[in-house]
Protein backbone atom coordinates (compact mmCIF):
# COMPACT_ATOMS: atom_id res chain seq x y z
CA MET A 1 8.29 -74.14 -9.26
CA PRO A 2 7.96 -76.82 -11.92
CA GLY A 3 11.15 -77.99 -13.57
CA THR A 4 14.14 -80.14 -12.96
CA LEU A 5 16.62 -79.85 -10.12
CA ALA A 6 19.25 -78.62 -12.58
CA ASP A 7 16.88 -75.95 -14.01
CA THR A 8 16.02 -74.71 -10.54
CA ALA A 9 19.66 -74.64 -9.41
CA ARG A 10 20.54 -72.59 -12.52
CA ALA A 11 17.72 -70.14 -11.74
CA ALA A 12 18.95 -69.81 -8.16
CA GLU A 13 22.49 -69.20 -9.42
CA ARG A 14 21.22 -66.42 -11.71
CA VAL A 15 19.61 -64.75 -8.70
CA ARG A 16 22.84 -65.09 -6.71
CA LEU A 17 24.87 -63.56 -9.55
CA ALA A 18 22.38 -60.71 -9.97
CA PHE A 19 22.83 -59.79 -6.31
CA ALA A 20 26.61 -59.90 -6.69
CA ALA A 21 26.43 -57.65 -9.74
CA ALA A 22 24.19 -55.19 -7.92
CA SER A 23 26.79 -54.29 -5.30
CA VAL A 24 27.08 -50.58 -4.67
CA ALA A 25 29.53 -48.03 -3.41
CA ALA A 26 28.36 -46.09 -0.37
CA ASN A 27 30.46 -43.31 1.15
CA GLY A 28 33.46 -44.56 -0.80
CA ARG A 29 33.07 -48.13 0.45
CA HIS A 30 32.10 -51.18 -1.59
CA VAL A 31 28.94 -52.84 -0.26
CA ALA A 32 28.44 -56.29 -1.72
CA GLY A 33 25.16 -58.17 -1.80
CA THR A 34 25.31 -61.89 -1.23
CA VAL A 35 22.71 -64.63 -1.40
CA SER A 36 22.71 -68.15 -0.04
CA VAL A 37 20.11 -70.47 -1.56
CA GLY A 38 18.87 -73.96 -0.76
CA VAL A 39 17.14 -75.97 -3.49
CA ALA A 40 15.08 -79.15 -3.10
CA CYS A 41 12.97 -81.06 -5.62
CA GLY A 42 10.58 -83.95 -5.52
CA SER A 43 7.61 -85.50 -7.21
CA PRO A 44 4.65 -83.21 -7.89
CA LEU A 45 2.89 -85.39 -5.31
CA SER A 46 5.47 -84.57 -2.60
CA ALA A 47 4.20 -82.71 0.44
CA ILE A 48 5.19 -79.05 0.23
CA ASP A 49 6.28 -78.95 3.88
CA LEU A 50 8.75 -81.74 3.19
CA LEU A 51 10.21 -79.89 0.19
CA ILE A 52 10.48 -76.67 2.20
CA SER A 53 12.23 -78.52 5.02
CA ARG A 54 14.74 -80.01 2.57
CA ALA A 55 15.33 -76.62 0.92
CA ASP A 56 15.85 -75.09 4.38
CA THR A 57 18.42 -77.78 5.23
CA ALA A 58 20.24 -77.04 1.97
CA LEU A 59 20.12 -73.30 2.77
CA TYR A 60 21.81 -73.83 6.14
CA ARG A 61 24.40 -76.03 4.41
CA ALA A 62 25.08 -73.11 2.00
CA LYS A 63 25.61 -70.79 4.95
CA THR A 64 27.85 -73.29 6.73
CA ASN A 65 29.94 -73.87 3.60
CA GLY A 66 30.86 -70.23 3.19
CA ARG A 67 27.69 -68.32 2.22
CA ASP A 68 27.03 -66.68 -1.14
CA ARG A 69 26.36 -70.01 -2.81
CA VAL A 70 23.66 -72.39 -4.02
CA GLU A 71 23.32 -75.79 -2.35
CA ILE A 72 20.98 -78.52 -3.51
CA THR A 73 19.58 -81.56 -1.80
CA LEU A 74 19.77 -84.77 -3.75
CA GLU A 75 17.22 -86.61 -1.60
CA LYS A 76 14.23 -87.85 -3.55
CA ALA A 77 10.76 -87.73 -2.05
CA ASP A 78 9.34 -91.10 -1.06
CA SER A 79 6.26 -91.34 -3.22
CA ALA A 80 4.27 -93.44 -0.76
CA ALA A 81 5.03 -91.61 2.47
CA GLU A 82 5.19 -88.03 1.23
CA GLN A 83 2.20 -87.52 -1.05
CA ARG A 84 -0.56 -84.95 -0.91
CA HIS A 85 -3.99 -86.49 -0.52
CA ASP A 86 -7.30 -85.04 -1.62
CA GLY A 87 -9.50 -87.59 0.12
CA GLN A 88 -10.92 -88.88 -3.15
CA GLY A 89 -7.76 -89.87 -5.03
CA GLY A 90 -8.80 -87.85 -8.10
CA THR A 91 -6.10 -85.21 -7.93
CA ILE A 92 -3.43 -87.76 -7.12
CA GLN A 93 -4.49 -90.06 -9.96
CA ARG A 94 -4.55 -87.14 -12.43
CA CYS A 95 -1.09 -86.00 -11.30
CA ARG A 96 0.24 -89.53 -11.63
CA ARG A 97 -1.13 -89.83 -15.18
CA GLU A 98 0.39 -86.46 -16.14
CA LYS A 99 3.73 -87.40 -14.61
CA GLU A 100 3.78 -90.80 -16.35
CA LYS A 101 2.91 -89.13 -19.66
CA SER A 102 5.68 -86.51 -19.28
CA ALA A 103 8.18 -89.19 -18.22
CA ALA A 104 7.34 -91.25 -21.32
CA THR A 105 8.01 -88.24 -23.57
CA GLY A 106 11.19 -87.25 -21.73
CA ASP A 107 9.63 -84.07 -20.34
CA ALA A 108 9.44 -85.18 -16.71
CA LEU A 109 9.20 -82.25 -14.33
CA GLU A 110 9.59 -82.13 -10.60
CA SER A 111 8.19 -79.74 -8.03
CA CYS A 112 11.08 -77.63 -6.79
CA VAL A 113 11.42 -75.26 -3.85
CA VAL A 114 14.04 -72.55 -3.57
């Protein structure tokens, strides 16, 4: 999802809270719903498999640290080693121009995985 790490973490927290609020009573017993979430972000040029791997690592950290929580990874994608390539450079060059333009206006977005 496009956005900042903070935006994505807030969205993940809203999902977690919605599950908590949706707990039900069954046969007189309280059944709580919990959600553990891992969030990772990187450049729009970052390889999706790298972002998913980082989100997965954050998810397991959430489970290890007590479950029912949102954990983020603060690692930044290495722009040289972790880029998508289209074989022609056109898509990458266009993405770079868009990212530079949004950074100059203060609207820089990242690609985030939850």
